[in-house]
Amino acid sequence: KRLKPNKLHDLLDIEDDLKKARQEFLDHINLN
């Protein structure tokens, strides 16, 4: 089953948000 282009775009946006959240999480750990 192939993804529609807009669905793929949504997944890329989610992946980008996850990378940002992960980086913020790691920064938070490093501060403590």
N, C-alpha and C. Protein backbone atom coordinates (compact mmCIF):
# COMPACT_ATOMS: atom_id res chain seq x y z
N LYS A 1 0.85 -1.21 0.00
CA LYS A 1 0.00 0.00 0.00
C LYS A 1 0.88 1.25 0.00
N ARG A 2 0.72 2.06 -1.01
CA ARG A 2 1.56 3.24 -1.12
C ARG A 2 0.95 4.44 -0.41
N LEU A 3 1.82 5.25 0.16
CA LEU A 3 1.35 6.46 0.84
C LEU A 3 1.09 7.56 -0.17
N LYS A 4 0.09 8.36 0.12
CA LYS A 4 -0.15 9.54 -0.71
C LYS A 4 0.94 10.55 -0.40
N PRO A 5 1.30 11.39 -1.37
CA PRO A 5 2.36 12.38 -1.15
C PRO A 5 2.13 13.24 0.09
N ASN A 6 0.90 13.67 0.32
CA ASN A 6 0.65 14.53 1.48
C ASN A 6 0.82 13.75 2.78
N LYS A 7 0.52 12.46 2.74
CA LYS A 7 0.70 11.62 3.92
C LYS A 7 2.19 11.48 4.23
N LEU A 8 2.97 11.31 3.19
CA LEU A 8 4.42 11.21 3.35
C LEU A 8 4.97 12.51 3.92
N HIS A 9 4.44 13.62 3.43
CA HIS A 9 4.88 14.93 3.92
C HIS A 9 4.57 15.07 5.41
N ASP A 10 3.41 14.60 5.82
CA ASP A 10 3.03 14.66 7.24
C ASP A 10 4.00 13.83 8.08
N LEU A 11 4.38 12.67 7.56
CA LEU A 11 5.31 11.81 8.30
C LEU A 11 6.67 12.48 8.44
N LEU A 12 7.10 13.19 7.41
CA LEU A 12 8.39 13.88 7.48
C LEU A 12 8.32 15.00 8.50
N ASP A 13 7.19 15.69 8.57
CA ASP A 13 7.02 16.76 9.56
C ASP A 13 7.07 16.18 10.97
N ILE A 14 6.42 15.04 11.16
CA ILE A 14 6.41 14.39 12.47
C ILE A 14 7.82 13.96 12.85
N GLU A 15 8.55 13.41 11.89
CA GLU A 15 9.92 12.97 12.14
C GLU A 15 10.78 14.16 12.55
N ASP A 16 10.57 15.29 11.90
CA ASP A 16 11.33 16.50 12.21
C ASP A 16 11.03 16.95 13.64
N ASP A 17 9.75 16.91 14.01
CA ASP A 17 9.36 17.31 15.37
C ASP A 17 9.97 16.37 16.40
N LEU A 18 10.02 15.08 16.08
CA LEU A 18 10.59 14.11 17.01
C LEU A 18 12.08 14.37 17.21
N LYS A 19 12.77 14.73 16.12
CA LYS A 19 14.20 15.01 16.24
C LYS A 19 14.43 16.22 17.14
N LYS A 20 13.58 17.24 16.98
CA LYS A 20 13.71 18.44 17.81
C LYS A 20 13.42 18.11 19.27
N ALA A 21 12.37 17.35 19.50
CA ALA A 21 11.99 16.99 20.87
C ALA A 21 13.09 16.15 21.51
N ARG A 22 13.68 15.24 20.75
CA ARG A 22 14.75 14.39 21.26
C ARG A 22 15.96 15.23 21.63
N GLN A 23 16.29 16.21 20.80
CA GLN A 23 17.43 17.06 21.07
C GLN A 23 17.20 17.89 22.33
N GLU A 24 15.98 18.42 22.48
CA GLU A 24 15.65 19.20 23.67
C GLU A 24 15.71 18.32 24.91
N PHE A 25 15.27 17.08 24.77
CA PHE A 25 15.30 16.13 25.88
C PHE A 25 16.74 15.85 26.30
N LEU A 26 17.62 15.63 25.32
CA LEU A 26 19.02 15.36 25.62
C LEU A 26 19.68 16.58 26.25
N ASP A 27 19.35 17.76 25.76
CA ASP A 27 19.91 18.99 26.33
C ASP A 27 19.48 19.12 27.78
N HIS A 28 18.23 18.79 28.05
CA HIS A 28 17.69 18.89 29.41
C HIS A 28 18.44 17.95 30.35
N ILE A 29 18.70 16.73 29.88
CA ILE A 29 19.43 15.75 30.70
C ILE A 29 20.85 16.25 30.98
N ASN A 30 21.48 16.81 29.96
CA ASN A 30 22.86 17.27 30.11
C ASN A 30 22.98 18.42 31.10
N LEU A 31 21.90 19.19 31.26
CA LEU A 31 21.94 20.32 32.18
C LEU A 31 21.87 19.87 33.63
N ASN A 32 21.28 18.68 33.86
CA ASN A 32 21.11 18.23 35.24
C ASN A 32 22.27 17.36 35.71
